[in-house]
Amino acid sequence: MEYTKKIIGGNFSEAGEASSAIKKVLKQLGVDSQVIRRTVVAIYEAEVNVVAHAYEGLLSVLIEDDKIKIVIEDEGHGIEDIEKAMEAGYSTASEKVREMGFGAGMGLPNIKANTDKMTINSVVGKGTVIELINYF
């Protein structure tokens, strides 16, 4: 099964739609509840990161027999220092984003904690691609 969702930067009202849709599908497929929880957390954090830090993005999900593969590609500022961005509490979110209750610097660390494999590639001034895999 494949699922894709365009994510618009700044549109916090739609953040979470993809994670909710995938949660329903994984439940219907009888996937273990721990795998569902971890996957949904990772997807939600990725959605919020795109909304908070990029102009737009595309979330693609491929559910296979033994795993779920998630790719988040965004067009935005990119990540200058990926190692620093992976530190819990480090944030480049704007004041506006923080006032809305987001931007605590836990997005990427939470994604990593809730996935079996994670890779990040980013080009400053162009965007970021994050690939995630969770095994069933």
C-alpha atoms as a PDB file:
ATOM      1  CA  MET A   1       0.000   0.000   0.000  1.00  0.00           C
ATOM      2  CA  GLU A   2       1.206   3.484  -0.825  1.00  0.00           C
ATOM      3  CA  TYR A   3       0.137   6.810   0.632  1.00  0.00           C
ATOM      4  CA  THR A   4       1.280  10.339  -0.210  1.00  0.00           C
ATOM      5  CA  LYS A   5       0.361  13.682   1.298  1.00  0.00           C
ATOM      6  CA  LYS A   6       1.451  17.164   0.324  1.00  0.00           C
ATOM      7  CA  ILE A   7       2.295  19.277   3.364  1.00  0.00           C
ATOM      8  CA  ILE A   8       2.063  23.061   3.223  1.00  0.00           C
ATOM      9  CA  GLY A   9       4.470  25.093   5.325  1.00  0.00           C
ATOM     10  CA  GLY A  10       2.785  27.148   8.025  1.00  0.00           C
ATOM     11  CA  ASN A  11      -0.469  25.154   7.876  1.00  0.00           C
ATOM     12  CA  PHE A  12      -0.561  23.770  11.412  1.00  0.00           C
ATOM     13  CA  SER A  13      -4.263  22.905  11.154  1.00  0.00           C
ATOM     14  CA  GLU A  14      -3.444  20.008   8.799  1.00  0.00           C
ATOM     15  CA  ALA A  15      -0.435  18.704  10.746  1.00  0.00           C
ATOM     16  CA  GLY A  16      -1.339  15.233  11.925  1.00  0.00           C
ATOM     17  CA  GLU A  17      -3.625  14.262   9.050  1.00  0.00           C
ATOM     18  CA  ALA A  18      -1.118  11.864   7.514  1.00  0.00           C
ATOM     19  CA  SER A  19      -0.202  10.232  10.821  1.00  0.00           C
ATOM     20  CA  SER A  20      -3.914   9.698  11.601  1.00  0.00           C
ATOM     21  CA  ALA A  21      -4.576   8.169   8.185  1.00  0.00           C
ATOM     22  CA  ILE A  22      -1.607   5.799   8.473  1.00  0.00           C
ATOM     23  CA  LYS A  23      -2.636   4.813  12.000  1.00  0.00           C
ATOM     24  CA  LYS A  24      -6.041   3.676  10.694  1.00  0.00           C
ATOM     25  CA  VAL A  25      -4.492   1.641   7.893  1.00  0.00           C
ATOM     26  CA  LEU A  26      -1.948  -0.046  10.172  1.00  0.00           C
ATOM     27  CA  LYS A  27      -4.709  -0.970  12.627  1.00  0.00           C
ATOM     28  CA  GLN A  28      -6.763  -2.472   9.795  1.00  0.00           C
ATOM     29  CA  LEU A  29      -3.722  -4.503   8.742  1.00  0.00           C
ATOM     30  CA  GLY A  30      -3.344  -5.851  12.283  1.00  0.00           C
ATOM     31  CA  VAL A  31       0.113  -4.381  12.858  1.00  0.00           C
ATOM     32  CA  ASP A  32       1.426  -4.598  16.424  1.00  0.00           C
ATOM     33  CA  SER A  33       0.254  -1.638  18.529  1.00  0.00           C
ATOM     34  CA  GLN A  34       3.820  -0.706  19.564  1.00  0.00           C
ATOM     35  CA  VAL A  35       4.888  -0.481  15.916  1.00  0.00           C
ATOM     36  CA  ILE A  36       1.803   1.624  15.172  1.00  0.00           C
ATOM     37  CA  ARG A  37       2.526   3.993  18.066  1.00  0.00           C
ATOM     38  CA  ARG A  38       6.185   4.451  17.132  1.00  0.00           C
ATOM     39  CA  THR A  39       5.354   4.965  13.453  1.00  0.00           C
ATOM     40  CA  VAL A  40       2.592   7.472  14.139  1.00  0.00           C
ATOM     41  CA  VAL A  41       4.814   9.500  16.476  1.00  0.00           C
ATOM     42  CA  ALA A  42       7.587   9.614  13.859  1.00  0.00           C
ATOM     43  CA  ILE A  43       5.223  10.646  11.064  1.00  0.00           C
ATOM     44  CA  TYR A  44       3.537  13.315  13.200  1.00  0.00           C
ATOM     45  CA  GLU A  45       6.883  14.829  14.212  1.00  0.00           C
ATOM     46  CA  ALA A  46       7.961  14.852  10.563  1.00  0.00           C
ATOM     47  CA  GLU A  47       4.739  16.562   9.505  1.00  0.00           C
ATOM     48  CA  VAL A  48       5.176  19.266  12.147  1.00  0.00           C
ATOM     49  CA  ASN A  49       8.803  19.802  11.114  1.00  0.00           C
ATOM     50  CA  VAL A  50       7.761  20.442   7.518  1.00  0.00           C
ATOM     51  CA  VAL A  51       4.960  22.784   8.596  1.00  0.00           C
ATOM     52  CA  ALA A  52       7.260  24.688  10.965  1.00  0.00           C
ATOM     53  CA  HIS A  53      10.447  24.855   8.889  1.00  0.00           C
ATOM     54  CA  ALA A  54       9.697  24.478   5.167  1.00  0.00           C
ATOM     55  CA  TYR A  55       7.684  26.053   2.372  1.00  0.00           C
ATOM     56  CA  GLU A  56       6.157  22.717   1.450  1.00  0.00           C
ATOM     57  CA  GLY A  57       6.876  19.030   1.495  1.00  0.00           C
ATOM     58  CA  LEU A  58       5.746  15.611   0.407  1.00  0.00           C
ATOM     59  CA  LEU A  59       5.257  12.687   2.755  1.00  0.00           C
ATOM     60  CA  SER A  60       5.336   9.257   1.103  1.00  0.00           C
ATOM     61  CA  VAL A  61       4.568   6.014   2.901  1.00  0.00           C
ATOM     62  CA  LEU A  62       5.051   2.511   1.534  1.00  0.00           C
ATOM     63  CA  ILE A  63       3.677  -0.370   3.613  1.00  0.00           C
ATOM     64  CA  GLU A  64       5.239  -3.716   2.762  1.00  0.00           C
ATOM     65  CA  ASP A  65       4.843  -7.187   4.303  1.00  0.00           C
ATOM     66  CA  ASP A  66       7.593  -6.691   6.883  1.00  0.00           C
ATOM     67  CA  LYS A  67       8.128  -2.946   7.167  1.00  0.00           C
ATOM     68  CA  ILE A  68       6.860   0.557   6.638  1.00  0.00           C
ATOM     69  CA  LYS A  69       9.049   3.012   4.741  1.00  0.00           C
ATOM     70  CA  ILE A  70       8.463   6.733   5.149  1.00  0.00           C
ATOM     71  CA  VAL A  71      10.090   9.469   3.058  1.00  0.00           C
ATOM     72  CA  ILE A  72       9.644  13.151   3.855  1.00  0.00           C
ATOM     73  CA  GLU A  73      10.990  15.558   1.235  1.00  0.00           C
ATOM     74  CA  ASP A  74      10.719  19.263   1.814  1.00  0.00           C
ATOM     75  CA  GLU A  75      11.588  22.483   0.079  1.00  0.00           C
ATOM     76  CA  GLY A  76      12.889  24.925   2.611  1.00  0.00           C
ATOM     77  CA  HIS A  77      15.887  26.335   4.383  1.00  0.00           C
ATOM     78  CA  GLY A  78      17.580  22.980   4.909  1.00  0.00           C
ATOM     79  CA  ILE A  79      19.498  21.972   8.021  1.00  0.00           C
ATOM     80  CA  GLU A  80      22.885  23.621   8.497  1.00  0.00           C
ATOM     81  CA  ASP A  81      24.155  21.235  11.186  1.00  0.00           C
ATOM     82  CA  ILE A  82      22.362  17.880  11.264  1.00  0.00           C
ATOM     83  CA  GLU A  83      24.330  16.654  14.282  1.00  0.00           C
ATOM     84  CA  LYS A  84      23.308  19.749  16.269  1.00  0.00           C
ATOM     85  CA  ALA A  85      19.697  19.458  15.060  1.00  0.00           C
ATOM     86  CA  MET A  86      19.601  15.917  16.479  1.00  0.00           C
ATOM     87  CA  GLU A  87      20.310  17.228  19.997  1.00  0.00           C
ATOM     88  CA  ALA A  88      17.244  17.231  22.234  1.00  0.00           C
ATOM     89  CA  GLY A  89      16.126  20.792  22.892  1.00  0.00           C
ATOM     90  CA  TYR A  90      17.993  22.409  19.999  1.00  0.00           C
ATOM     91  CA  SER A  91      15.576  24.413  17.873  1.00  0.00           C
ATOM     92  CA  THR A  92      15.650  26.917  15.039  1.00  0.00           C
ATOM     93  CA  ALA A  93      11.883  27.456  15.180  1.00  0.00           C
ATOM     94  CA  SER A  94      10.611  31.004  14.905  1.00  0.00           C
ATOM     95  CA  GLU A  95       9.078  32.818  17.834  1.00  0.00           C
ATOM     96  CA  LYS A  96       5.677  32.537  16.142  1.00  0.00           C
ATOM     97  CA  VAL A  97       6.005  28.739  15.946  1.00  0.00           C
ATOM     98  CA  ARG A  98       7.067  28.566  19.606  1.00  0.00           C
ATOM     99  CA  GLU A  99       4.100  30.701  20.672  1.00  0.00           C
ATOM    100  CA  MET A 100       1.851  28.098  19.045  1.00  0.00           C
ATOM    101  CA  GLY A 101       3.351  25.410  21.297  1.00  0.00           C
ATOM    102  CA  PHE A 102       5.722  23.877  18.758  1.00  0.00           C
ATOM    103  CA  GLY A 103       9.468  24.223  18.231  1.00  0.00           C
ATOM    104  CA  ALA A 104      10.751  22.674  21.454  1.00  0.00           C
ATOM    105  CA  GLY A 105      13.606  20.987  19.616  1.00  0.00           C
ATOM    106  CA  MET A 106      12.338  17.444  20.091  1.00  0.00           C
ATOM    107  CA  GLY A 107      11.149  16.681  16.537  1.00  0.00           C
ATOM    108  CA  LEU A 108      14.212  14.970  15.078  1.00  0.00           C
ATOM    109  CA  PRO A 109      15.211  13.267  18.370  1.00  0.00           C
ATOM    110  CA  ASN A 110      11.655  11.890  18.705  1.00  0.00           C
ATOM    111  CA  ILE A 111      11.671  10.694  15.108  1.00  0.00           C
ATOM    112  CA  LYS A 112      14.962   8.876  15.677  1.00  0.00           C
ATOM    113  CA  ALA A 113      13.745   7.340  18.954  1.00  0.00           C
ATOM    114  CA  ASN A 114      10.651   5.965  17.223  1.00  0.00           C
ATOM    115  CA  THR A 115      12.204   4.440  14.103  1.00  0.00           C
ATOM    116  CA  ASP A 116      14.388   1.450  13.388  1.00  0.00           C
ATOM    117  CA  LYS A 117      16.358   3.260  10.651  1.00  0.00           C
ATOM    118  CA  MET A 118      16.659   6.967   9.934  1.00  0.00           C
ATOM    119  CA  THR A 119      18.701   8.878   7.378  1.00  0.00           C
ATOM    120  CA  ILE A 120      18.760  12.625   6.811  1.00  0.00           C
ATOM    121  CA  ASN A 121      20.137  14.467   3.805  1.00  0.00           C
ATOM    122  CA  SER A 122      19.888  18.224   3.673  1.00  0.00           C
ATOM    123  CA  VAL A 123      21.114  21.016   1.446  1.00  0.00           C
ATOM    124  CA  VAL A 124      21.065  24.495   2.968  1.00  0.00           C
ATOM    125  CA  GLY A 125      18.812  26.777   0.962  1.00  0.00           C
ATOM    126  CA  LYS A 126      17.175  23.878  -0.860  1.00  0.00           C
ATOM    127  CA  GLY A 127      15.573  21.392   1.526  1.00  0.00           C
ATOM    128  CA  THR A 128      15.740  18.153   3.447  1.00  0.00           C
ATOM    129  CA  VAL A 129      14.973  14.489   2.784  1.00  0.00           C
ATOM    130  CA  ILE A 130      14.383  12.154   5.714  1.00  0.00           C
ATOM    131  CA  GLU A 131      13.965   8.416   5.171  1.00  0.00           C
ATOM    132  CA  LEU A 132      12.574   6.219   7.925  1.00  0.00           C
ATOM    133  CA  ILE A 133      11.948   2.502   8.278  1.00  0.00           C
ATOM    134  CA  ASN A 134      10.073   0.603  10.960  1.00  0.00           C
ATOM    135  CA  TYR A 135       9.976  -3.181  10.856  1.00  0.00           C
ATOM    136  CA  PHE A 136       6.942  -5.286  11.797  1.00  0.00           C
END
